[in-house]
């Protein structure tokens, strides 16, 4: 089932690369490219907290 882009909650704790609206939203809010976001998720998983920490250290 596709995510509803209007729904929040747990969606804001995990990043889904399968949802174009999420990728766009996260790249804009984090100020990174799609590739940088994918690299971060590959390195630390899709937890927003861990991705943000990873990107801060870069």
PDB file of N, CA and C in Angstrom:
ATOM      1  N   UNK A   1       0.842  -1.174   0.000  1.00  0.00           N
ATOM      2  CA  UNK A   1       0.000   0.000   0.000  1.00  0.00           C
ATOM      3  C   UNK A   1       0.892   1.243   0.000  1.00  0.00           C
ATOM      4  N   UNK A   2       0.539   2.196  -0.820  1.00  0.00           N
ATOM      5  CA  UNK A   2       1.287   3.437  -0.920  1.00  0.00           C
ATOM      6  C   UNK A   2       1.023   4.304   0.301  1.00  0.00           C
ATOM      7  N   UNK A   3       2.042   5.084   0.668  1.00  0.00           N
ATOM      8  CA  UNK A   3       1.874   6.063   1.738  1.00  0.00           C
ATOM      9  C   UNK A   3       0.962   7.181   1.280  1.00  0.00           C
ATOM     10  N   UNK A   4       0.226   7.714   2.206  1.00  0.00           N
ATOM     11  CA  UNK A   4      -0.590   8.893   1.932  1.00  0.00           C
ATOM     12  C   UNK A   4       0.265  10.113   2.272  1.00  0.00           C
ATOM     13  N   UNK A   5       0.610  10.939   1.284  1.00  0.00           N
ATOM     14  CA  UNK A   5       1.486  12.074   1.552  1.00  0.00           C
ATOM     15  C   UNK A   5       0.905  13.076   2.542  1.00  0.00           C
ATOM     16  N   UNK A   6      -0.384  12.975   2.844  1.00  0.00           N
ATOM     17  CA  UNK A   6      -1.001  13.879   3.809  1.00  0.00           C
ATOM     18  C   UNK A   6      -0.907  13.341   5.228  1.00  0.00           C
ATOM     19  N   UNK A   7      -0.615  12.065   5.384  1.00  0.00           N
ATOM     20  CA  UNK A   7      -0.521  11.445   6.702  1.00  0.00           C
ATOM     21  C   UNK A   7       0.859  11.695   7.302  1.00  0.00           C
ATOM     22  N   UNK A   8       0.912  11.806   8.615  1.00  0.00           N
ATOM     23  CA  UNK A   8       2.197  11.975   9.300  1.00  0.00           C
ATOM     24  C   UNK A   8       2.308  10.928  10.379  1.00  0.00           C
ATOM     25  N   UNK A   9       2.985  11.192  11.445  1.00  0.00           N
ATOM     26  CA  UNK A   9       3.137  10.221  12.515  1.00  0.00           C
ATOM     27  C   UNK A   9       4.401   9.423  12.305  1.00  0.00           C
ATOM     28  N   UNK A  10       4.270   8.105  12.231  1.00  0.00           N
ATOM     29  CA  UNK A  10       5.437   7.250  12.057  1.00  0.00           C
ATOM     30  C   UNK A  10       6.176   7.543  10.762  1.00  0.00           C
ATOM     31  N   UNK A  11       5.463   8.043   9.753  1.00  0.00           N
ATOM     32  CA  UNK A  11       6.113   8.381   8.489  1.00  0.00           C
ATOM     33  C   UNK A  11       7.256   9.362   8.691  1.00  0.00           C
ATOM     34  N   UNK A  12       7.168  10.209   9.687  1.00  0.00           N
ATOM     35  CA  UNK A  12       8.203  11.219   9.900  1.00  0.00           C
ATOM     36  C   UNK A  12       9.392  10.649  10.667  1.00  0.00           C
ATOM     37  N   UNK A  13       9.342   9.382  11.062  1.00  0.00           N
ATOM     38  CA  UNK A  13      10.459   8.759  11.767  1.00  0.00           C
ATOM     39  C   UNK A  13      11.284   7.865  10.854  1.00  0.00           C
ATOM     40  N   UNK A  14      10.719   7.505   9.700  1.00  0.00           N
ATOM     41  CA  UNK A  14      11.396   6.637   8.744  1.00  0.00           C
ATOM     42  C   UNK A  14      11.342   7.268   7.362  1.00  0.00           C
ATOM     43  N   UNK A  15      12.387   7.057   6.577  1.00  0.00           N
ATOM     44  CA  UNK A  15      12.453   7.595   5.226  1.00  0.00           C
ATOM     45  C   UNK A  15      12.278   6.444   4.242  1.00  0.00           C
ATOM     46  N   UNK A  16      11.329   6.588   3.331  1.00  0.00           N
ATOM     47  CA  UNK A  16      11.093   5.571   2.318  1.00  0.00           C
ATOM     48  C   UNK A  16      11.608   6.068   0.971  1.00  0.00           C
ATOM     49  N   UNK A  17      12.577   5.355   0.426  1.00  0.00           N
ATOM     50  CA  UNK A  17      13.082   5.703  -0.904  1.00  0.00           C
ATOM     51  C   UNK A  17      12.137   5.238  -2.004  1.00  0.00           C
ATOM     52  N   UNK A  18      11.125   4.449  -1.643  1.00  0.00           N
ATOM     53  CA  UNK A  18      10.158   3.951  -2.624  1.00  0.00           C
ATOM     54  C   UNK A  18       9.063   4.963  -2.936  1.00  0.00           C
ATOM     55  N   UNK A  19       8.998   6.019  -2.159  1.00  0.00           N
ATOM     56  CA  UNK A  19       7.949   7.028  -2.326  1.00  0.00           C
ATOM     57  C   UNK A  19       8.564   8.334  -2.839  1.00  0.00           C
ATOM     58  N   UNK A  20       8.336   8.681  -4.105  1.00  0.00           N
ATOM     59  CA  UNK A  20       8.938   9.895  -4.673  1.00  0.00           C
ATOM     60  C   UNK A  20       8.658  11.164  -3.875  1.00  0.00           C
ATOM     61  N   UNK A  21       7.450  11.282  -3.333  1.00  0.00           N
ATOM     62  CA  UNK A  21       7.145  12.487  -2.555  1.00  0.00           C
ATOM     63  C   UNK A  21       7.974  12.552  -1.276  1.00  0.00           C
ATOM     64  N   UNK A  22       8.301  11.395  -0.693  1.00  0.00           N
ATOM     65  CA  UNK A  22       9.135  11.379   0.508  1.00  0.00           C
ATOM     66  C   UNK A  22      10.576  11.734   0.162  1.00  0.00           C
ATOM     67  N   UNK A  23      11.078  11.173  -0.923  1.00  0.00           N
ATOM     68  CA  UNK A  23      12.454  11.482  -1.340  1.00  0.00           C
ATOM     69  C   UNK A  23      12.587  12.980  -1.589  1.00  0.00           C
ATOM     70  N   UNK A  24      11.651  13.536  -2.322  1.00  0.00           N
ATOM     71  CA  UNK A  24      11.674  14.968  -2.618  1.00  0.00           C
ATOM     72  C   UNK A  24      11.607  15.796  -1.338  1.00  0.00           C
ATOM     73  N   UNK A  25      10.705  15.427  -0.446  1.00  0.00           N
ATOM     74  CA  UNK A  25      10.532  16.157   0.804  1.00  0.00           C
ATOM     75  C   UNK A  25      11.791  16.098   1.671  1.00  0.00           C
ATOM     76  N   UNK A  26      12.365  14.906   1.805  1.00  0.00           N
ATOM     77  CA  UNK A  26      13.546  14.759   2.656  1.00  0.00           C
ATOM     78  C   UNK A  26      14.779  15.419   2.047  1.00  0.00           C
ATOM     79  N   UNK A  27      14.965  15.323   0.750  1.00  0.00           N
ATOM     80  CA  UNK A  27      16.135  15.982   0.150  1.00  0.00           C
ATOM     81  C   UNK A  27      16.035  17.493   0.318  1.00  0.00           C
ATOM     82  N   UNK A  28      14.834  18.035   0.177  1.00  0.00           N
ATOM     83  CA  UNK A  28      14.646  19.479   0.359  1.00  0.00           C
ATOM     84  C   UNK A  28      14.854  19.884   1.812  1.00  0.00           C
ATOM     85  N   UNK A  29      14.268  19.154   2.732  1.00  0.00           N
ATOM     86  CA  UNK A  29      14.357  19.549   4.138  1.00  0.00           C
ATOM     87  C   UNK A  29      15.757  19.328   4.720  1.00  0.00           C
ATOM     88  N   UNK A  30      16.473  18.328   4.200  1.00  0.00           N
ATOM     89  CA  UNK A  30      17.825  18.064   4.707  1.00  0.00           C
ATOM     90  C   UNK A  30      18.907  18.786   3.903  1.00  0.00           C
ATOM     91  N   UNK A  31      18.536  19.355   2.779  1.00  0.00           N
ATOM     92  CA  UNK A  31      19.499  20.079   1.951  1.00  0.00           C
ATOM     93  C   UNK A  31      20.552  19.179   1.326  1.00  0.00           C
ATOM     94  N   UNK A  32      20.115  17.990   0.875  1.00  0.00           N
ATOM     95  CA  UNK A  32      21.027  17.027   0.258  1.00  0.00           C
ATOM     96  C   UNK A  32      20.472  16.581  -1.082  1.00  0.00           C
ATOM     97  N   UNK A  33      21.319  15.936  -1.871  1.00  0.00           N
ATOM     98  CA  UNK A  33      20.866  15.373  -3.134  1.00  0.00           C
ATOM     99  C   UNK A  33      20.222  14.008  -2.872  1.00  0.00           C
ATOM    100  N   UNK A  34      19.535  13.511  -3.869  1.00  0.00           N
ATOM    101  CA  UNK A  34      18.930  12.184  -3.743  1.00  0.00           C
ATOM    102  C   UNK A  34      20.003  11.128  -3.513  1.00  0.00           C
ATOM    103  N   UNK A  35      21.132  11.257  -4.196  1.00  0.00           N
ATOM    104  CA  UNK A  35      22.212  10.291  -4.025  1.00  0.00           C
ATOM    105  C   UNK A  35      22.796  10.346  -2.615  1.00  0.00           C
ATOM    106  N   UNK A  36      22.955  11.547  -2.064  1.00  0.00           N
ATOM    107  CA  UNK A  36      23.461  11.678  -0.693  1.00  0.00           C
ATOM    108  C   UNK A  36      22.490  11.046   0.298  1.00  0.00           C
ATOM    109  N   UNK A  37      21.195  11.218   0.069  1.00  0.00           N
ATOM    110  CA  UNK A  37      20.188  10.606   0.928  1.00  0.00           C
ATOM    111  C   UNK A  37      20.265   9.083   0.837  1.00  0.00           C
ATOM    112  N   UNK A  38      20.369   8.556  -0.377  1.00  0.00           N
ATOM    113  CA  UNK A  38      20.483   7.101  -0.565  1.00  0.00           C
ATOM    114  C   UNK A  38      21.733   6.551   0.103  1.00  0.00           C
ATOM    115  N   UNK A  39      22.837   7.266  -0.020  1.00  0.00           N
ATOM    116  CA  UNK A  39      24.093   6.832   0.603  1.00  0.00           C
ATOM    117  C   UNK A  39      23.949   6.780   2.116  1.00  0.00           C
ATOM    118  N   UNK A  40      23.333   7.799   2.689  1.00  0.00           N
ATOM    119  CA  UNK A  40      23.121   7.841   4.137  1.00  0.00           C
ATOM    120  C   UNK A  40      22.245   6.681   4.601  1.00  0.00           C
ATOM    121  N   UNK A  41      21.171   6.413   3.867  1.00  0.00           N
ATOM    122  CA  UNK A  41      20.265   5.326   4.237  1.00  0.00           C
ATOM    123  C   UNK A  41      20.965   3.977   4.108  1.00  0.00           C
ATOM    124  N   UNK A  42      21.786   3.821   3.092  1.00  0.00           N
ATOM    125  CA  UNK A  42      22.549   2.580   2.940  1.00  0.00           C
ATOM    126  C   UNK A  42      23.504   2.393   4.108  1.00  0.00           C
ATOM    127  N   UNK A  43      24.088   3.487   4.576  1.00  0.00           N
ATOM    128  CA  UNK A  43      25.081   3.423   5.652  1.00  0.00           C
ATOM    129  C   UNK A  43      24.456   3.161   7.018  1.00  0.00           C
ATOM    130  N   UNK A  44      23.302   3.806   7.308  1.00  0.00           N
ATOM    131  CA  UNK A  44      22.782   3.743   8.675  1.00  0.00           C
ATOM    132  C   UNK A  44      21.334   3.283   8.794  1.00  0.00           C
ATOM    133  N   UNK A  45      20.675   2.991   7.690  1.00  0.00           N
ATOM    134  CA  UNK A  45      19.270   2.591   7.736  1.00  0.00           C
ATOM    135  C   UNK A  45      18.357   3.775   7.476  1.00  0.00           C
ATOM    136  N   UNK A  46      17.048   3.548   7.543  1.00  0.00           N
ATOM    137  CA  UNK A  46      16.105   4.595   7.144  1.00  0.00           C
ATOM    138  C   UNK A  46      15.506   5.389   8.300  1.00  0.00           C
ATOM    139  N   UNK A  47      16.082   5.277   9.479  1.00  0.00           N
ATOM    140  CA  UNK A  47      15.651   6.084  10.615  1.00  0.00           C
ATOM    141  C   UNK A  47      16.059   7.537  10.378  1.00  0.00           C
ATOM    142  N   UNK A  48      15.093   8.451  10.495  1.00  0.00           N
ATOM    143  CA  UNK A  48      15.380   9.867  10.285  1.00  0.00           C
ATOM    144  C   UNK A  48      16.470  10.335  11.232  1.00  0.00           C
ATOM    145  N   UNK A  49      16.382   9.926  12.481  1.00  0.00           N
ATOM    146  CA  UNK A  49      17.362  10.335  13.488  1.00  0.00           C
ATOM    147  C   UNK A  49      18.775   9.909  13.090  1.00  0.00           C
ATOM    148  N   UNK A  50      18.938   8.665  12.677  1.00  0.00           N
ATOM    149  CA  UNK A  50      20.275   8.174  12.299  1.00  0.00           C
ATOM    150  C   UNK A  50      20.769   8.809  11.017  1.00  0.00           C
ATOM    151  N   UNK A  51      19.872   9.029  10.045  1.00  0.00           N
ATOM    152  CA  UNK A  51      20.254   9.680   8.786  1.00  0.00           C
ATOM    153  C   UNK A  51      20.721  11.095   9.072  1.00  0.00           C
ATOM    154  N   UNK A  52      19.985  11.827   9.893  1.00  0.00           N
ATOM    155  CA  UNK A  52      20.375  13.215  10.224  1.00  0.00           C
ATOM    156  C   UNK A  52      21.737  13.242  10.920  1.00  0.00           C
ATOM    157  N   UNK A  53      21.945  12.328  11.848  1.00  0.00           N
ATOM    158  CA  UNK A  53      23.227  12.258  12.552  1.00  0.00           C
ATOM    159  C   UNK A  53      24.361  11.964  11.568  1.00  0.00           C
ATOM    160  N   UNK A  54      24.135  11.022  10.675  1.00  0.00           N
ATOM    161  CA  UNK A  54      25.133  10.657   9.665  1.00  0.00           C
ATOM    162  C   UNK A  54      25.465  11.863   8.797  1.00  0.00           C
ATOM    163  N   UNK A  55      24.447  12.567   8.338  1.00  0.00           N
ATOM    164  CA  UNK A  55      24.672  13.714   7.443  1.00  0.00           C
ATOM    165  C   UNK A  55      25.361  14.861   8.175  1.00  0.00           C
ATOM    166  N   UNK A  56      25.092  15.047   9.455  1.00  0.00           N
ATOM    167  CA  UNK A  56      25.771  16.091  10.233  1.00  0.00           C
ATOM    168  C   UNK A  56      27.259  15.821  10.325  1.00  0.00           C
ATOM    169  N   UNK A  57      27.629  14.557  10.410  1.00  0.00           N
ATOM    170  CA  UNK A  57      29.042  14.189  10.540  1.00  0.00           C
ATOM    171  C   UNK A  57      29.794  14.301   9.235  1.00  0.00           C
ATOM    172  N   UNK A  58      29.080  14.339   8.137  1.00  0.00           N
ATOM    173  CA  UNK A  58      29.710  14.415   6.809  1.00  0.00           C
ATOM    174  C   UNK A  58      30.162  15.808   6.491  1.00  0.00           C
TER     175      UNK A  58
END
